[in-house]
Amino acid sequence: MSTALSVRNLSKRYRIKHGGERGYHTLRDEIASGFGRLVGRAAPRRETVEEFWAVEDASFEIKTGERVGIIGRNGAGKSTLLKMLSKIVEPTRGRIEIHGRLSSLLEVGTGFHSELTGRENVFLNGAILGMPREETLRKFEEIVAFAGVERFIDTPVKHYSSGMYMRLAFAVAANLDPDILLIDEVLAVGDLAFQQKCLGKIESITNAGRTVLFVSHNLGSVSSLCSSAMLMDAGRIVAIGDVPGVVMKYYRDGASSPAAFDLSDGRRPVGNHHARLLAGRVVDGSGAPSMEVDISHDTTLEMEFEILDSHPGPFIPNFHFHTSDGTVAFVSVDTTRNVSSPGRYLSRCEIPGNLLNEGTYFVGLGLTTFSTGVTVHFFEPGAVSFNVRDPIENVASRGDWGGAMPGSVRPNLAWTTERIS
């Protein structure tokens, strides 16, 4: 099998400046400082430069026709890697070999000109991808039909909703016959029907012998779509292999996930311009964060978040529970629909005792709206974790059985048994 992508020691370094006690200077500061220097009385400005490696020494090879899922926490370097492969970001060092025509869909609107119409952007993107105008024209009707924007194709895309924008962008990227397609967490913008349509298109692309790299926090999509996976952490590739094995490592390496975290200082923002995650915690009956949970006791999960501006439809908090081997135990969604206006919120979800089995659980915290398609405002996978332990004297849900019980849950269900003859 031929090679589609070859990467050797690929790295990207950013320099972050820190100036004195404040990270910014006003015009008045600059004028005062300049005058001080002029008269010889200016205090020296303390400025430091911090080096940050978004990606460091990444090396891998992808064969033609492979579907590779790239997973990892926020800030792991996944998007930076795809931007370097797409030649949007220049590497600090390293080598990339691309065999074939590459198309990328990195974030909503990338490569589109907001003042141009949908029609003009289709031909613009075709030209950027190196497609002859005749070939783009031949594919045009198929692209527009796939995106479902026939009525608005001659409208400037700045007037499109995020869902329309994404549908057209995906249709262009996927239907202009790329040899390699890069996708970065954009399918979450569309509605469920369009997501399924996209997944079907990706599968048909790979069945035709083309290559797909797919960055996603949705491990279910990665598992169903991809033939292999790559795990990134702190800018480095830490695992490459079959999807179940890499997903298992992702969760096992996350065993140090805390019982509580706080992002309210803004140093590691998680979210978008509509909402951001502030904190999360697992708390016991006294309200204190706790990593250890008694199997028979109720346990509460809390999530603090802030709505920054309005968005059509209510915001829906949701928690995703996974076991240590990456298996989805269950997903719980807040159905109260109480979140719609800007402000700070606290969501609580109570897990009853004798529901979860013994073991370690990782909880992803998310916030979603569904009114104009599915929009994920933030999702932090494995943000908190906790261990469910069964004191031997408590046998409420396993009776006289002394060994480990299989499965993710071990509920204490209502039973009746009676003699009928």
Protein backbone atom coordinates (compact mmCIF):
# COMPACT_ATOMS: atom_id res chain seq x y z
CA MET A 1 0.00 0.00 0.00
CA SER A 2 1.40 3.41 -0.99
CA THR A 3 2.06 6.25 1.44
CA ALA A 4 -0.30 9.24 1.48
CA LEU A 5 1.35 11.29 4.25
CA SER A 6 4.79 11.09 5.80
CA VAL A 7 5.78 13.32 8.71
CA ARG A 8 9.19 13.45 10.37
CA ASN A 9 10.10 15.39 13.53
CA LEU A 10 7.43 18.00 12.88
CA SER A 11 7.37 20.80 15.48
CA LYS A 12 5.72 24.18 15.96
CA ARG A 13 6.96 26.69 18.51
CA TYR A 14 5.18 29.86 19.59
CA ARG A 15 6.70 32.68 21.60
CA ILE A 16 4.49 34.27 24.26
CA LYS A 17 5.53 37.69 25.57
CA HIS A 18 4.92 38.70 29.17
CA GLY A 19 5.47 42.39 29.89
CA GLY A 20 5.95 43.31 33.53
CA GLU A 21 3.02 42.95 35.88
CA ARG A 22 0.53 43.59 33.11
CA GLY A 23 0.45 41.79 29.80
CA TYR A 24 -0.66 44.90 27.91
CA HIS A 25 0.18 48.61 27.63
CA THR A 26 -2.17 51.47 26.81
CA LEU A 27 -1.34 54.40 24.55
CA ARG A 28 -0.91 56.56 27.66
CA ASP A 29 1.59 54.02 29.04
CA GLU A 30 3.59 54.16 25.81
CA ILE A 31 3.62 58.00 25.73
CA ALA A 32 4.68 58.20 29.39
CA SER A 33 7.34 55.58 28.85
CA GLY A 34 8.66 57.34 25.76
CA PHE A 35 8.83 60.68 27.56
CA GLY A 36 10.59 59.05 30.48
CA ARG A 37 13.21 57.58 28.18
CA LEU A 38 13.65 60.98 26.56
CA VAL A 39 14.51 62.67 29.87
CA GLY A 40 16.41 59.66 31.15
CA ARG A 41 14.02 58.72 33.95
CA ALA A 42 12.16 55.79 32.48
CA ALA A 43 12.08 52.64 34.53
CA PRO A 44 13.21 49.65 32.52
CA ARG A 45 10.29 47.54 31.34
CA ARG A 46 10.57 43.95 32.42
CA GLU A 47 9.56 41.75 29.54
CA THR A 48 10.00 38.00 29.32
CA VAL A 49 9.43 35.65 26.43
CA GLU A 50 8.05 32.17 27.06
CA GLU A 51 8.50 29.43 24.48
CA PHE A 52 5.53 27.16 23.93
CA TRP A 53 5.73 24.04 21.75
CA ALA A 54 2.23 23.39 20.38
CA VAL A 55 3.56 20.33 18.52
CA GLU A 56 6.93 18.72 19.20
CA ASP A 57 8.79 16.03 17.23
CA ALA A 58 5.70 14.44 15.64
CA SER A 59 6.58 11.54 13.32
CA PHE A 60 4.16 9.19 11.59
CA GLU A 61 3.23 7.67 8.24
CA ILE A 62 -0.29 7.19 6.89
CA LYS A 63 -1.05 4.78 4.07
CA THR A 64 -3.39 5.56 1.20
CA GLY A 65 -7.00 4.77 2.08
CA GLU A 66 -6.52 4.86 5.86
CA ARG A 67 -9.07 6.58 8.10
CA VAL A 68 -7.13 7.94 11.06
CA GLY A 69 -8.80 9.50 14.10
CA ILE A 70 -6.72 12.02 16.08
CA ILE A 71 -7.80 12.33 19.71
CA GLY A 72 -6.58 14.08 22.85
CA ARG A 73 -7.54 16.75 25.32
CA ASN A 74 -8.00 20.42 24.44
CA GLY A 75 -4.58 21.97 23.87
CA ALA A 76 -2.94 18.67 22.94
CA GLY A 77 -1.83 20.04 19.53
CA LYS A 78 -4.33 18.29 17.26
CA SER A 79 -5.54 21.39 15.40
CA THR A 80 -2.02 22.81 15.07
CA LEU A 81 -0.88 19.54 13.51
CA LEU A 82 -3.65 19.66 10.91
CA LYS A 83 -2.93 23.32 10.15
CA MET A 84 0.70 22.46 9.43
CA LEU A 85 -0.35 19.58 7.19
CA SER A 86 -2.70 22.00 5.39
CA LYS A 87 0.12 24.56 4.98
CA ILE A 88 -1.86 27.16 6.91
CA VAL A 89 0.79 27.25 9.66
CA GLU A 90 4.51 27.02 8.90
CA PRO A 91 6.39 24.43 10.98
CA THR A 92 9.30 25.54 13.15
CA ARG A 93 11.14 22.42 12.06
CA GLY A 94 10.48 19.02 10.53
CA ARG A 95 9.45 17.54 7.21
CA ILE A 96 6.06 16.83 5.60
CA GLU A 97 5.62 14.73 2.46
CA ILE A 98 2.17 14.78 0.84
CA HIS A 99 1.39 12.41 -1.99
CA GLY A 100 -1.73 13.61 -3.76
CA ARG A 101 -4.20 16.50 -3.64
CA LEU A 102 -5.06 17.54 -0.09
CA SER A 103 -8.28 19.24 1.02
CA SER A 104 -8.97 20.44 4.56
CA LEU A 105 -11.96 21.48 6.61
CA LEU A 106 -10.43 22.85 9.79
CA GLU A 107 -13.05 25.14 11.22
CA VAL A 108 -16.24 26.77 10.03
CA GLY A 109 -15.44 29.37 7.39
CA THR A 110 -11.80 28.49 6.81
CA GLY A 111 -11.02 29.30 3.17
CA PHE A 112 -14.31 31.15 2.57
CA HIS A 113 -14.50 34.88 1.80
CA SER A 114 -17.41 36.35 3.75
CA GLU A 115 -18.22 39.00 1.13
CA LEU A 116 -18.49 36.48 -1.72
CA THR A 117 -21.59 34.45 -2.47
CA GLY A 118 -21.83 30.72 -1.94
CA ARG A 119 -21.43 30.18 -5.70
CA GLU A 120 -18.29 32.33 -5.85
CA ASN A 121 -16.79 30.59 -2.83
CA VAL A 122 -17.31 27.17 -4.42
CA PHE A 123 -15.24 28.22 -7.44
CA LEU A 124 -12.70 30.04 -5.26
CA ASN A 125 -12.13 26.93 -3.15
CA GLY A 126 -11.92 24.78 -6.26
CA ALA A 127 -9.18 27.04 -7.60
CA ILE A 128 -7.32 26.94 -4.26
CA LEU A 129 -7.43 23.13 -4.40
CA GLY A 130 -6.02 23.20 -7.92
CA MET A 131 -9.24 22.10 -9.63
CA PRO A 132 -9.76 23.24 -13.23
CA ARG A 133 -12.86 25.45 -13.53
CA GLU A 134 -14.48 22.88 -15.83
CA GLU A 135 -14.14 20.19 -13.16
CA THR A 136 -15.61 22.46 -10.45
CA LEU A 137 -18.46 23.34 -12.80
CA ARG A 138 -19.15 19.66 -13.39
CA LYS A 139 -19.33 19.07 -9.63
CA PHE A 140 -21.23 22.26 -8.81
CA GLU A 141 -24.80 20.92 -8.75
CA GLU A 142 -23.73 17.94 -6.65
CA ILE A 143 -22.01 20.22 -4.14
CA VAL A 144 -25.00 22.54 -3.78
CA ALA A 145 -27.46 19.65 -3.49
CA PHE A 146 -25.31 17.96 -0.83
CA ALA A 147 -25.15 21.18 1.20
CA GLY A 148 -28.87 21.89 0.78
CA VAL A 149 -28.34 25.63 0.19
CA GLU A 150 -29.88 25.94 -3.28
CA ARG A 151 -32.04 28.94 -2.32
CA PHE A 152 -29.09 30.86 -0.88
CA ILE A 153 -26.28 29.95 -3.26
CA ASP A 154 -26.14 33.51 -4.66
CA THR A 155 -26.26 35.13 -1.20
CA PRO A 156 -23.02 36.37 0.43
CA VAL A 157 -21.93 33.73 2.92
CA LYS A 158 -21.63 36.34 5.70
CA HIS A 159 -25.42 36.06 5.93
CA TYR A 160 -25.34 32.26 6.33
CA SER A 161 -26.00 30.57 9.64
CA SER A 162 -23.10 28.56 11.07
CA GLY A 163 -24.88 25.37 9.97
CA MET A 164 -25.28 26.55 6.36
CA TYR A 165 -21.68 27.76 6.32
CA MET A 166 -20.40 24.40 7.52
CA ARG A 167 -22.59 22.35 5.19
CA LEU A 168 -21.34 24.22 2.13
CA ALA A 169 -17.72 24.13 3.33
CA PHE A 170 -17.90 20.37 3.88
CA ALA A 171 -19.63 19.80 0.55
CA VAL A 172 -16.86 21.69 -1.28
CA ALA A 173 -14.04 19.94 0.57
CA ALA A 174 -15.50 16.44 0.19
CA ASN A 175 -16.91 16.59 -3.34
CA LEU A 176 -13.93 18.01 -5.21
CA ASP A 177 -12.27 14.58 -5.17
CA PRO A 178 -9.34 15.12 -2.78
CA ASP A 179 -6.79 12.35 -2.37
CA ILE A 180 -6.42 13.34 1.31
CA LEU A 181 -9.16 14.96 3.41
CA LEU A 182 -8.41 16.61 6.78
CA ILE A 183 -11.37 17.28 9.10
CA ASP A 184 -11.13 19.10 12.43
CA GLU A 185 -14.16 18.76 14.72
CA VAL A 186 -16.59 20.51 12.37
CA LEU A 187 -19.29 17.86 12.04
CA ALA A 188 -20.65 18.86 15.45
CA VAL A 189 -22.04 22.07 13.90
CA GLY A 190 -24.58 20.35 11.68
CA ASP A 191 -27.81 18.64 12.64
CA LEU A 192 -27.94 14.90 13.22
CA ALA A 193 -29.19 14.09 9.71
CA PHE A 194 -26.37 16.08 8.10
CA GLN A 195 -23.78 14.50 10.40
CA GLN A 196 -24.88 11.07 9.21
CA LYS A 197 -24.72 12.32 5.63
CA CYS A 198 -21.16 13.56 6.20
CA LEU A 199 -20.07 10.29 7.79
CA GLY A 200 -21.51 8.42 4.83
CA LYS A 201 -19.61 10.68 2.43
CA ILE A 202 -16.36 10.17 4.35
CA GLU A 203 -16.86 6.42 4.21
CA SER A 204 -17.44 6.57 0.45
CA ILE A 205 -14.26 8.67 0.06
CA THR A 206 -12.14 6.07 1.84
CA ASN A 207 -13.86 3.21 0.00
CA ALA A 208 -12.65 4.90 -3.16
CA GLY A 209 -9.07 4.57 -1.89
CA ARG A 210 -8.66 8.08 -0.52
CA THR A 211 -7.28 9.04 2.88
CA VAL A 212 -9.01 10.80 5.81
CA LEU A 213 -7.59 12.36 9.00
CA PHE A 214 -10.36 13.11 11.46
CA VAL A 215 -9.89 15.17 14.65
CA SER A 216 -12.77 14.75 17.08
CA HIS A 217 -13.71 14.65 20.75
CA ASN A 218 -16.57 12.33 19.82
CA LEU A 219 -14.94 8.97 20.48
CA GLY A 220 -18.05 7.18 19.21
CA SER A 221 -17.60 8.77 15.77
CA VAL A 222 -13.88 7.96 15.82
CA SER A 223 -14.61 4.34 16.71
CA SER A 224 -17.24 3.89 14.01
CA LEU A 225 -15.49 5.87 11.27
CA CYS A 226 -11.76 5.26 11.66
CA SER A 227 -9.55 2.26 11.02
CA SER A 228 -6.77 3.52 13.31
CA ALA A 229 -6.18 6.30 15.82
CA MET A 230 -3.49 8.65 17.06
CA LEU A 231 -3.37 10.05 20.61
CA MET A 232 -1.75 13.43 21.29
CA ASP A 233 -0.83 14.93 24.65
CA ALA A 234 1.01 18.21 25.33
CA GLY A 235 2.07 18.50 21.69
CA ARG A 236 3.48 14.99 21.39
CA ILE A 237 2.13 11.84 19.76
CA VAL A 238 1.94 9.29 22.57
CA ALA A 239 0.19 6.40 20.81
CA ILE A 240 -0.66 5.20 17.29
CA GLY A 241 -2.57 2.00 16.60
CA ASP A 242 -5.96 0.36 16.48
CA VAL A 243 -8.85 2.51 17.71
CA PRO A 244 -9.88 0.46 20.80
CA GLY A 245 -6.29 0.29 22.08
CA VAL A 246 -5.62 4.02 21.62
CA VAL A 247 -8.95 5.00 23.20
CA MET A 248 -8.21 2.72 26.16
CA LYS A 249 -4.82 4.39 26.63
CA TYR A 250 -6.48 7.81 26.43
CA TYR A 251 -8.71 6.99 29.38
CA ARG A 252 -6.12 5.06 31.37
CA ASP A 253 -3.62 7.89 31.04
CA GLY A 254 -6.36 10.18 32.26
CA ALA A 255 -6.50 8.35 35.57
CA SER A 256 -4.96 11.45 37.10
CA SER A 257 -8.04 13.47 36.15
CA PRO A 258 -9.00 15.37 39.28
CA ALA A 259 -12.16 15.12 41.28
CA ALA A 260 -12.41 18.90 40.84
CA PHE A 261 -10.91 21.58 38.59
CA ASP A 262 -11.22 25.35 38.21
CA LEU A 263 -10.75 27.23 34.93
CA SER A 264 -12.26 30.52 36.10
CA ASP A 265 -8.91 32.34 35.92
CA GLY A 266 -9.13 32.15 32.11
CA ARG A 267 -5.58 30.85 31.58
CA ARG A 268 -6.90 27.78 29.77
CA PRO A 269 -10.17 28.84 28.14
CA VAL A 270 -12.56 26.06 27.15
CA GLY A 271 -15.52 27.16 25.05
CA ASN A 272 -16.44 29.58 22.29
CA HIS A 273 -17.79 33.13 22.00
CA HIS A 274 -21.19 31.97 23.30
CA ALA A 275 -20.17 30.04 26.42
CA ARG A 276 -17.18 28.85 28.43
CA LEU A 277 -16.55 26.17 31.03
CA LEU A 278 -15.53 27.47 34.46
CA ALA A 279 -15.29 24.48 36.82
CA GLY A 280 -16.34 20.90 37.47
CA ARG A 281 -16.27 18.57 40.46
CA VAL A 282 -17.44 15.29 41.95
CA VAL A 283 -18.80 15.88 45.45
CA ASP A 284 -19.84 13.60 48.29
CA GLY A 285 -22.78 13.93 50.66
CA SER A 286 -21.08 16.74 52.59
CA GLY A 287 -20.53 18.78 49.42
CA ALA A 288 -16.74 18.31 49.40
CA PRO A 289 -14.85 17.13 46.28
CA SER A 290 -14.16 13.42 46.54
CA MET A 291 -12.32 10.96 44.31
CA GLU A 292 -13.60 7.92 46.23
CA VAL A 293 -17.31 7.06 46.05
CA ASP A 294 -19.12 4.46 48.16
CA ILE A 295 -21.18 2.31 45.80
CA SER A 296 -24.28 2.59 48.00
CA HIS A 297 -24.16 6.39 48.44
CA ASP A 298 -25.56 9.06 46.14
CA THR A 299 -22.90 11.07 44.29
CA THR A 300 -23.30 14.54 42.78
CA LEU A 301 -21.51 15.99 39.75
CA GLU A 302 -21.37 19.76 39.37
CA MET A 303 -20.44 21.96 36.43
CA GLU A 304 -20.05 25.75 36.48
CA PHE A 305 -20.18 27.64 33.20
CA GLU A 306 -20.84 31.11 31.84
CA ILE A 307 -23.11 32.16 28.98
CA LEU A 308 -21.44 35.12 27.26
CA ASP A 309 -24.14 36.06 24.78
CA SER A 310 -27.49 34.83 23.55
CA HIS A 311 -27.96 31.97 21.09
CA PRO A 312 -31.13 30.59 19.48
CA GLY A 313 -32.62 27.96 21.74
CA PRO A 314 -31.70 26.92 25.28
CA PHE A 315 -28.23 25.69 26.25
CA ILE A 316 -28.24 22.02 27.29
CA PRO A 317 -25.64 20.86 29.86
CA ASN A 318 -24.62 17.21 29.43
CA PHE A 319 -22.33 14.70 31.16
CA HIS A 320 -20.66 11.75 29.37
CA PHE A 321 -19.59 8.83 31.59
CA HIS A 322 -16.87 6.44 30.38
CA THR A 323 -15.20 3.50 32.04
CA SER A 324 -11.40 3.16 32.21
CA ASP A 325 -11.33 1.08 29.02
CA GLY A 326 -13.13 3.79 27.03
CA THR A 327 -16.58 2.16 27.08
CA VAL A 328 -19.48 4.61 27.21
CA ALA A 329 -21.37 3.83 30.42
CA PHE A 330 -24.12 6.38 29.75
CA VAL A 331 -24.81 10.02 28.86
CA SER A 332 -27.01 12.27 30.99
CA VAL A 333 -28.61 15.45 29.61
CA ASP A 334 -30.26 18.29 31.54
CA THR A 335 -33.88 18.40 30.31
CA THR A 336 -34.97 21.41 32.41
CA ARG A 337 -34.01 23.81 29.58
CA ASN A 338 -33.33 26.53 32.17
CA VAL A 339 -30.32 28.12 30.47
CA SER A 340 -30.98 30.73 27.81
CA SER A 341 -29.70 34.17 28.86
CA PRO A 342 -26.17 35.43 29.63
CA GLY A 343 -24.88 34.79 33.15
CA ARG A 344 -23.07 32.24 35.33
CA TYR A 345 -24.72 28.89 35.96
CA LEU A 346 -24.24 25.81 38.12
CA SER A 347 -25.58 22.47 36.88
CA ARG A 348 -25.91 19.48 39.22
CA CYS A 349 -26.49 15.85 38.31
CA GLU A 350 -27.11 13.26 41.02
CA ILE A 351 -26.10 9.64 40.53
CA PRO A 352 -28.08 7.34 42.81
CA GLY A 353 -26.30 4.77 44.94
CA ASN A 354 -26.17 1.18 43.69
CA LEU A 355 -26.21 2.25 40.04
CA LEU A 356 -22.58 2.24 38.89
CA ASN A 357 -20.43 -0.85 39.21
CA GLU A 358 -17.05 -0.83 40.96
CA GLY A 359 -14.26 0.82 38.99
CA THR A 360 -12.95 4.17 37.72
CA TYR A 361 -15.20 6.51 35.73
CA PHE A 362 -14.23 9.53 33.63
CA VAL A 363 -16.80 12.24 32.99
CA GLY A 364 -16.82 14.56 29.97
CA LEU A 365 -18.55 17.90 30.53
CA GLY A 366 -20.41 19.52 27.65
CA LEU A 367 -22.79 22.32 26.67
CA THR A 368 -24.88 22.07 23.51
CA THR A 369 -27.74 23.77 21.68
CA PHE A 370 -30.07 21.99 19.26
CA SER A 371 -32.37 24.69 17.87
CA THR A 372 -30.48 25.38 14.61
CA GLY A 373 -28.71 22.07 14.24
CA VAL A 374 -26.34 20.65 16.82
CA THR A 375 -23.86 23.22 18.14
CA VAL A 376 -21.29 22.08 20.72
CA HIS A 377 -20.15 25.19 22.63
CA PHE A 378 -17.66 23.23 24.68
CA PHE A 379 -16.85 19.63 25.51
CA GLU A 380 -14.07 18.66 27.91
CA PRO A 381 -13.60 14.87 27.73
CA GLY A 382 -12.59 13.06 30.91
CA ALA A 383 -12.60 16.36 32.78
CA VAL A 384 -13.17 14.74 36.17
CA SER A 385 -12.87 11.19 37.41
CA PHE A 386 -13.85 9.16 40.46
CA ASN A 387 -13.51 5.63 41.81
CA VAL A 388 -16.54 3.60 42.86
CA ARG A 389 -15.67 1.23 45.70
CA ASP A 390 -17.82 -1.40 47.40
CA PRO A 391 -17.23 -2.00 51.11
CA ILE A 392 -17.44 -5.76 51.47
CA GLU A 393 -20.12 -5.54 54.14
CA ASN A 394 -22.48 -3.77 51.72
CA VAL A 395 -24.07 -6.46 49.55
CA ALA A 396 -27.24 -4.62 48.57
CA SER A 397 -26.84 -5.03 44.81
CA ARG A 398 -24.81 -8.23 44.49
CA GLY A 399 -26.35 -10.43 47.11
CA ASP A 400 -24.09 -13.24 48.29
CA TRP A 401 -21.81 -13.06 45.24
CA GLY A 402 -18.29 -12.31 46.45
CA GLY A 403 -16.47 -11.65 43.18
CA ALA A 404 -16.39 -8.79 40.72
CA MET A 405 -19.59 -8.16 38.75
CA PRO A 406 -19.32 -7.55 34.97
CA GLY A 407 -20.72 -4.47 33.25
CA SER A 408 -20.64 -0.71 33.72
CA VAL A 409 -23.69 -0.55 35.97
CA ARG A 410 -24.81 -2.66 38.90
CA PRO A 411 -28.25 -1.32 39.85
CA ASN A 412 -30.19 -2.52 42.84
CA LEU A 413 -33.37 -3.36 40.92
CA ALA A 414 -36.71 -4.39 42.38
CA TRP A 415 -37.20 -8.20 42.23
CA THR A 416 -40.03 -10.49 43.23
CA THR A 417 -39.96 -14.27 43.16
CA GLU A 418 -42.92 -16.37 44.27
CA ARG A 419 -43.95 -19.96 44.08
CA ILE A 420 -46.83 -20.40 41.67
CA SER A 421 -47.39 -24.16 41.97
